[in-house]
């Protein structure tokens, strides 16, 4: 698929006449395989197609046994040309936790030093979000024999953390991350996910291993395909004074992470939700710890559900 992207994005490139006649293509040339069901690229779009290895989600371990089925897909729109797609995590049948920047957009600000170019806060957030659960069905006993993935859609209201503030440079690199969290209150309860993770009673420790589950590359693209994967990481840096983010690195099979994905410490009956992945910092991939925001999360869980006059029905789809 990467080769195809390179060819499509090279319109007008000079030819190399020294190589002679081109060799005929193999019969399987351009076959991306089962995990690259990205769809067709229109003529109007191909020249701006980003060349990125994350087009192919061959990394991580596919969650075919639904170990992390509480990990959901989240989609909002901040305008006609501003869709945002991320992951999220079910905390209860009615509540989804995700990253604040997954549901809120940046807006420019002026700063005395000039380093800060824009900020993500609660002033420019989507009102509504679509959430999709994904349940895999096996055709046999082997994980490679996935028969289908059932997607169920829900809708809900967005509530960002009241202290959400992500300061960005001119290159959109986070300079600081504070309370980069938001919840989505669903109109209809999720009834096909058996459990949700528990909240931590203490902060993570340096070099502690954990698991991230999610749907990969996020942002303004259609590359979230509904194929949930997971991988192991370990903590490399704890929060610093200027920012709340916790840095991590791979600790096993490579796994491309996105935003809003749950960071889980396993070992008990239920996994423990220690964080939610955020924008990569200049020092590496990062997540927002849930421990400092435990009281806020518990207060959101304890809020009475809004009464809805005409609740929308969830929609099922399978593939």
Protein backbone atom coordinates (compact mmCIF):
# COMPACT_ATOMS: atom_id res chain seq x y z
CA UNK A 1 0.00 0.00 0.00
CA UNK A 2 2.88 2.34 0.76
CA UNK A 3 4.28 1.70 -2.73
CA UNK A 4 0.90 2.56 -4.22
CA UNK A 5 0.79 5.79 -2.19
CA UNK A 6 4.25 6.75 -3.41
CA UNK A 7 3.28 6.19 -7.01
CA UNK A 8 0.03 8.13 -6.71
CA UNK A 9 1.69 11.06 -4.96
CA UNK A 10 4.45 11.31 -7.58
CA UNK A 11 2.45 12.87 -10.42
CA UNK A 12 4.88 14.62 -12.73
CA UNK A 13 8.00 12.99 -11.31
CA UNK A 14 10.83 12.64 -13.89
CA UNK A 15 11.33 9.17 -15.30
CA UNK A 16 14.60 7.27 -15.01
CA UNK A 17 15.52 6.45 -18.59
CA UNK A 18 18.69 4.61 -17.61
CA UNK A 19 16.78 1.62 -16.34
CA UNK A 20 15.48 0.61 -19.77
CA UNK A 21 12.06 -0.95 -20.31
CA UNK A 22 9.97 -1.35 -17.18
CA UNK A 23 9.46 -4.84 -15.85
CA UNK A 24 5.92 -6.23 -16.01
CA UNK A 25 3.96 -6.14 -12.75
CA UNK A 26 3.46 -9.32 -10.75
CA UNK A 27 -0.12 -10.62 -10.68
CA UNK A 28 -0.37 -9.77 -6.95
CA UNK A 29 1.15 -6.27 -7.24
CA UNK A 30 -0.79 -3.71 -5.23
CA UNK A 31 -2.55 -6.34 -3.12
CA UNK A 32 -2.67 -4.79 0.35
CA UNK A 33 -4.01 -7.86 2.14
CA UNK A 34 -6.79 -8.24 4.67
CA UNK A 35 -5.67 -5.50 7.05
CA UNK A 36 -5.56 -2.68 4.49
CA UNK A 37 -9.20 -2.31 3.51
CA UNK A 38 -8.83 1.43 3.10
CA UNK A 39 -11.10 1.92 0.07
CA UNK A 40 -10.64 3.75 -3.21
CA UNK A 41 -8.69 6.95 -3.68
CA UNK A 42 -10.38 9.45 -5.99
CA UNK A 43 -8.53 11.42 -8.63
CA UNK A 44 -9.14 14.64 -6.71
CA UNK A 45 -7.57 13.28 -3.54
CA UNK A 46 -4.51 11.32 -4.61
CA UNK A 47 -2.08 14.23 -4.99
CA UNK A 48 -2.42 15.16 -1.30
CA UNK A 49 -2.33 11.58 -0.02
CA UNK A 50 0.16 11.44 2.88
CA UNK A 51 2.93 8.88 2.50
CA UNK A 52 2.99 7.27 5.92
CA UNK A 53 3.80 3.72 7.06
CA UNK A 54 0.73 3.84 9.30
CA UNK A 55 -1.42 3.19 6.20
CA UNK A 56 -0.79 -0.49 7.03
CA UNK A 57 -1.80 -1.55 10.53
CA UNK A 58 0.27 -4.72 10.58
CA UNK A 59 1.68 -3.95 14.02
CA UNK A 60 0.23 -4.78 17.41
CA UNK A 61 -1.91 -7.78 18.28
CA UNK A 62 -5.43 -7.97 16.91
CA UNK A 63 -8.05 -8.17 19.66
CA UNK A 64 -10.10 -10.95 18.08
CA UNK A 65 -11.18 -12.38 21.45
CA UNK A 66 -12.65 -9.04 22.62
CA UNK A 67 -10.37 -8.65 25.64
CA UNK A 68 -10.63 -4.88 25.24
CA UNK A 69 -14.12 -4.54 23.79
CA UNK A 70 -14.70 -1.55 26.11
CA UNK A 71 -12.35 0.36 23.76
CA UNK A 72 -14.58 2.24 21.31
CA UNK A 73 -14.28 4.49 18.28
CA UNK A 74 -15.20 8.16 18.69
CA UNK A 75 -16.11 10.60 15.92
CA UNK A 76 -17.08 14.28 16.10
CA UNK A 77 -17.30 17.17 13.66
CA UNK A 78 -16.25 20.74 14.36
CA UNK A 79 -17.44 21.86 10.94
CA UNK A 80 -17.98 20.68 7.34
CA UNK A 81 -14.25 20.00 6.85
CA UNK A 82 -13.24 19.23 10.41
CA UNK A 83 -14.02 15.62 11.33
CA UNK A 84 -12.01 14.16 14.20
CA UNK A 85 -11.74 10.40 14.76
CA UNK A 86 -10.15 8.82 17.82
CA UNK A 87 -10.59 6.03 20.30
CA UNK A 88 -12.27 6.12 23.70
CA UNK A 89 -13.02 3.84 26.64
CA UNK A 90 -16.35 2.87 28.19
CA UNK A 91 -16.48 3.60 31.91
CA UNK A 92 -20.13 2.60 32.24
CA UNK A 93 -22.95 1.68 29.82
CA UNK A 94 -23.70 5.42 29.47
CA UNK A 95 -20.27 7.07 29.74
CA UNK A 96 -17.21 7.17 27.45
CA UNK A 97 -13.87 8.76 28.39
CA UNK A 98 -11.60 10.08 25.64
CA UNK A 99 -8.91 12.73 25.10
CA UNK A 100 -10.08 16.33 25.21
CA UNK A 101 -8.43 17.17 21.89
CA UNK A 102 -10.47 14.37 20.28
CA UNK A 103 -13.66 16.39 20.75
CA UNK A 104 -12.37 19.98 20.97
CA UNK A 105 -10.50 22.04 18.38
CA UNK A 106 -7.62 24.49 18.59
CA UNK A 107 -7.97 28.25 18.23
CA UNK A 108 -5.22 30.88 17.92
CA UNK A 109 -4.05 32.90 20.91
CA UNK A 110 -1.35 35.50 21.43
CA UNK A 111 1.39 34.96 23.99
CA UNK A 112 4.03 37.43 25.24
CA UNK A 113 6.89 35.04 24.47
CA UNK A 114 5.49 34.15 21.05
CA UNK A 115 6.12 30.43 21.46
CA UNK A 116 2.45 29.53 21.98
CA UNK A 117 0.48 29.68 18.75
CA UNK A 118 -2.87 28.11 19.64
CA UNK A 119 -4.75 26.41 22.45
CA UNK A 120 -7.22 23.55 22.82
CA UNK A 121 -9.69 24.24 25.61
CA UNK A 122 -13.39 23.97 26.37
CA UNK A 123 -14.39 26.97 24.26
CA UNK A 124 -14.46 25.18 20.88
CA UNK A 125 -15.82 21.67 21.37
CA UNK A 126 -18.31 19.53 19.50
CA UNK A 127 -21.71 19.24 21.15
CA UNK A 128 -22.42 15.70 20.00
CA UNK A 129 -20.33 12.62 19.24
CA UNK A 130 -20.80 9.26 17.59
CA UNK A 131 -19.44 6.24 19.44
CA UNK A 132 -19.04 2.77 17.93
CA UNK A 133 -18.43 -0.52 19.71
CA UNK A 134 -16.70 -3.35 17.87
CA UNK A 135 -17.28 -7.04 18.67
CA UNK A 136 -15.33 -9.71 16.76
CA UNK A 137 -16.71 -13.17 15.96
CA UNK A 138 -14.40 -16.13 15.33
CA UNK A 139 -15.12 -18.68 12.63
CA UNK A 140 -12.98 -21.26 14.45
CA UNK A 141 -10.65 -21.66 17.40
CA UNK A 142 -7.65 -19.91 15.82
CA UNK A 143 -7.35 -16.08 16.12
CA UNK A 144 -6.70 -15.78 12.36
CA UNK A 145 -10.16 -17.13 11.63
CA UNK A 146 -12.12 -13.91 12.22
CA UNK A 147 -15.58 -14.31 10.73
CA UNK A 148 -16.95 -10.79 11.19
CA UNK A 149 -16.73 -7.61 13.20
CA UNK A 150 -20.04 -6.26 14.43
CA UNK A 151 -20.18 -2.48 14.81
CA UNK A 152 -22.90 -0.81 16.85
CA UNK A 153 -23.37 2.97 16.78
CA UNK A 154 -24.43 5.23 19.65
CA UNK A 155 -24.72 8.98 20.02
CA UNK A 156 -24.11 11.23 22.99
CA UNK A 157 -23.33 14.67 24.38
CA UNK A 158 -19.77 15.90 24.84
CA UNK A 159 -18.53 17.27 28.18
CA UNK A 160 -14.85 18.37 28.25
CA UNK A 161 -12.88 18.51 31.48
CA UNK A 162 -13.40 22.02 32.95
CA UNK A 163 -9.61 22.55 33.19
CA UNK A 164 -8.77 21.30 29.67
CA UNK A 165 -5.84 23.27 28.25
CA UNK A 166 -3.37 22.09 25.62
CA UNK A 167 -0.91 24.77 24.44
CA UNK A 168 0.43 24.24 20.91
CA UNK A 169 3.38 25.64 19.00
CA UNK A 170 3.15 26.95 15.46
CA UNK A 171 3.96 23.40 14.28
CA UNK A 172 1.03 22.07 16.42
CA UNK A 173 3.45 20.38 18.84
CA UNK A 174 2.10 20.32 22.41
CA UNK A 175 4.01 22.64 24.72
CA UNK A 176 1.94 21.63 27.73
CA UNK A 177 -0.95 19.26 28.45
CA UNK A 178 -3.41 19.86 31.26
CA UNK A 179 -6.60 17.88 31.92
CA UNK A 180 -6.69 16.64 28.32
CA UNK A 181 -9.84 14.60 28.93
CA UNK A 182 -13.51 14.64 28.00
CA UNK A 183 -16.54 12.41 28.49
CA UNK A 184 -19.39 11.52 26.17
CA UNK A 185 -22.77 10.85 27.79
CA UNK A 186 -24.61 8.33 25.61
CA UNK A 187 -28.31 8.58 24.84
CA UNK A 188 -28.72 4.81 24.91
CA UNK A 189 -26.78 2.39 27.15
CA UNK A 190 -24.23 0.03 25.63
CA UNK A 191 -25.39 -3.53 26.24
CA UNK A 192 -22.92 -5.63 24.24
CA UNK A 193 -19.74 -4.92 26.27
CA UNK A 194 -19.44 -7.13 29.38
CA UNK A 195 -17.11 -5.04 31.57
CA UNK A 196 -15.35 -1.70 32.03
CA UNK A 197 -11.92 -0.99 33.55
CA UNK A 198 -11.55 0.25 37.13
CA UNK A 199 -9.89 3.51 38.18
CA UNK A 200 -6.45 3.56 39.86
CA UNK A 201 -5.88 4.28 43.54
CA UNK A 202 -2.27 5.45 42.97
CA UNK A 203 -0.09 6.93 40.24
CA UNK A 204 1.94 4.72 37.90
CA UNK A 205 5.65 4.22 38.54
CA UNK A 206 8.70 4.67 36.36
CA UNK A 207 9.39 1.69 34.04
CA UNK A 208 6.02 0.15 34.91
CA UNK A 209 4.63 -1.96 32.02
CA UNK A 210 1.11 -1.44 30.73
CA UNK A 211 -1.11 -2.20 27.72
CA UNK A 212 -2.65 0.17 25.19
CA UNK A 213 -5.67 -0.92 23.14
CA UNK A 214 -7.11 1.07 20.25
CA UNK A 215 -7.72 1.56 16.57
CA UNK A 216 -4.48 3.16 15.44
CA UNK A 217 -3.88 6.37 13.54
CA UNK A 218 -6.33 9.16 14.39
CA UNK A 219 -7.18 12.65 13.25
CA UNK A 220 -8.67 14.06 10.08
CA UNK A 221 -8.57 10.85 8.05
CA UNK A 222 -10.48 7.66 7.41
CA UNK A 223 -7.75 5.35 8.63
CA UNK A 224 -9.60 4.10 11.72
CA UNK A 225 -10.97 0.88 10.28
CA UNK A 226 -12.66 -0.75 13.26
CA UNK A 227 -9.91 -3.32 13.78
CA UNK A 228 -8.93 -3.10 17.40
CA UNK A 229 -5.33 -3.90 18.30
CA UNK A 230 -3.23 -3.77 21.43
CA UNK A 231 0.42 -3.69 22.48
CA UNK A 232 2.68 -3.44 25.52
CA UNK A 233 4.46 -0.25 26.62
CA UNK A 234 6.40 0.97 29.64
CA UNK A 235 6.65 4.30 31.47
CA UNK A 236 9.75 6.38 30.69
CA UNK A 237 8.89 9.71 32.34
CA UNK A 238 6.44 10.79 35.03
CA UNK A 239 4.56 14.13 34.94
CA UNK A 240 6.66 17.30 35.12
CA UNK A 241 5.71 20.68 36.57
CA UNK A 242 4.88 22.31 33.21
CA UNK A 243 2.77 19.46 31.89
CA UNK A 244 0.72 16.49 33.12
CA UNK A 245 1.70 14.07 30.37
CA UNK A 246 3.39 10.74 31.09
CA UNK A 247 5.82 9.47 28.45
CA UNK A 248 6.18 5.86 27.37
CA UNK A 249 8.01 3.60 24.93
CA UNK A 250 7.39 0.16 23.36
CA UNK A 251 7.91 -2.89 25.56
CA UNK A 252 7.40 -5.73 23.11
CA UNK A 253 5.58 -5.99 19.79
CA UNK A 254 5.52 -2.60 18.00
CA UNK A 255 2.08 -0.98 18.11
CA UNK A 256 1.03 2.26 16.42
CA UNK A 257 -1.05 4.26 18.86
CA UNK A 258 -3.58 7.00 18.28
CA UNK A 259 -5.39 9.35 20.67
CA UNK A 260 -8.02 8.61 23.29
CA UNK A 261 -6.84 5.03 23.71
CA UNK A 262 -6.98 3.44 27.17
CA UNK A 263 -3.72 2.72 28.98
CA UNK A 264 -4.29 -0.34 31.14
CA UNK A 265 -2.43 -2.10 33.95
CA UNK A 266 -3.55 -5.71 33.99
CA UNK A 267 -3.35 -8.24 36.78
CA UNK A 268 -6.67 -8.20 38.61
CA UNK A 269 -10.13 -9.35 37.63
CA UNK A 270 -10.62 -6.08 35.76
CA UNK A 271 -7.84 -4.05 34.11
CA UNK A 272 -7.00 -0.71 35.71
CA UNK A 273 -7.32 2.44 33.58
CA UNK A 274 -4.20 4.48 34.35
CA UNK A 275 -4.40 6.89 31.42
CA UNK A 276 -5.68 7.96 28.02
CA UNK A 277 -3.29 8.57 25.12
CA UNK A 278 -2.82 12.18 24.09
CA UNK A 279 -0.93 14.09 21.40
CA UNK A 280 2.70 13.08 21.08
CA UNK A 281 5.00 15.55 22.81
CA UNK A 282 8.31 16.71 21.40
CA UNK A 283 9.93 14.07 23.64
CA UNK A 284 7.81 11.12 22.49
CA UNK A 285 4.41 9.44 22.81
CA UNK A 286 2.42 10.34 25.91
CA UNK A 287 -0.76 9.79 27.86
CA UNK A 288 -2.84 11.78 30.34
CA UNK A 289 -2.94 10.07 33.73
CA UNK A 290 -6.40 9.37 35.16
CA UNK A 291 -5.22 9.37 38.78
CA UNK A 292 -5.07 13.19 39.27
CA UNK A 293 -8.54 13.42 37.71
CA UNK A 294 -10.11 10.53 39.58
CA UNK A 295 -12.55 12.75 41.50
CA UNK A 296 -13.73 14.44 38.31
CA UNK A 297 -14.25 11.07 36.60
CA UNK A 298 -16.17 9.75 39.61
CA UNK A 299 -18.34 12.87 39.64
CA UNK A 300 -19.16 12.33 35.96
CA UNK A 301 -20.03 8.71 36.68
CA UNK A 302 -22.29 9.82 39.52
CA UNK A 303 -24.18 12.47 37.57
CA UNK A 304 -27.88 11.78 36.94
CA UNK A 305 -28.53 10.82 33.34
CA UNK A 306 -30.31 13.48 31.27
CA UNK A 307 -33.90 12.72 30.35
CA UNK A 308 -34.32 12.47 26.60
CA UNK A 309 -37.65 12.99 24.87
CA UNK A 310 -36.78 11.08 21.71
CA UNK A 311 -33.66 8.96 22.25
CA UNK A 312 -32.01 7.82 19.03
CA UNK A 313 -31.73 4.12 18.36
CA UNK A 314 -28.34 2.51 18.01
CA UNK A 315 -27.49 1.12 14.62
CA UNK A 316 -25.80 -2.20 13.95
CA UNK A 317 -23.57 -3.07 11.04
CA UNK A 318 -21.42 -6.09 10.26
CA UNK A 319 -18.68 -6.84 7.79
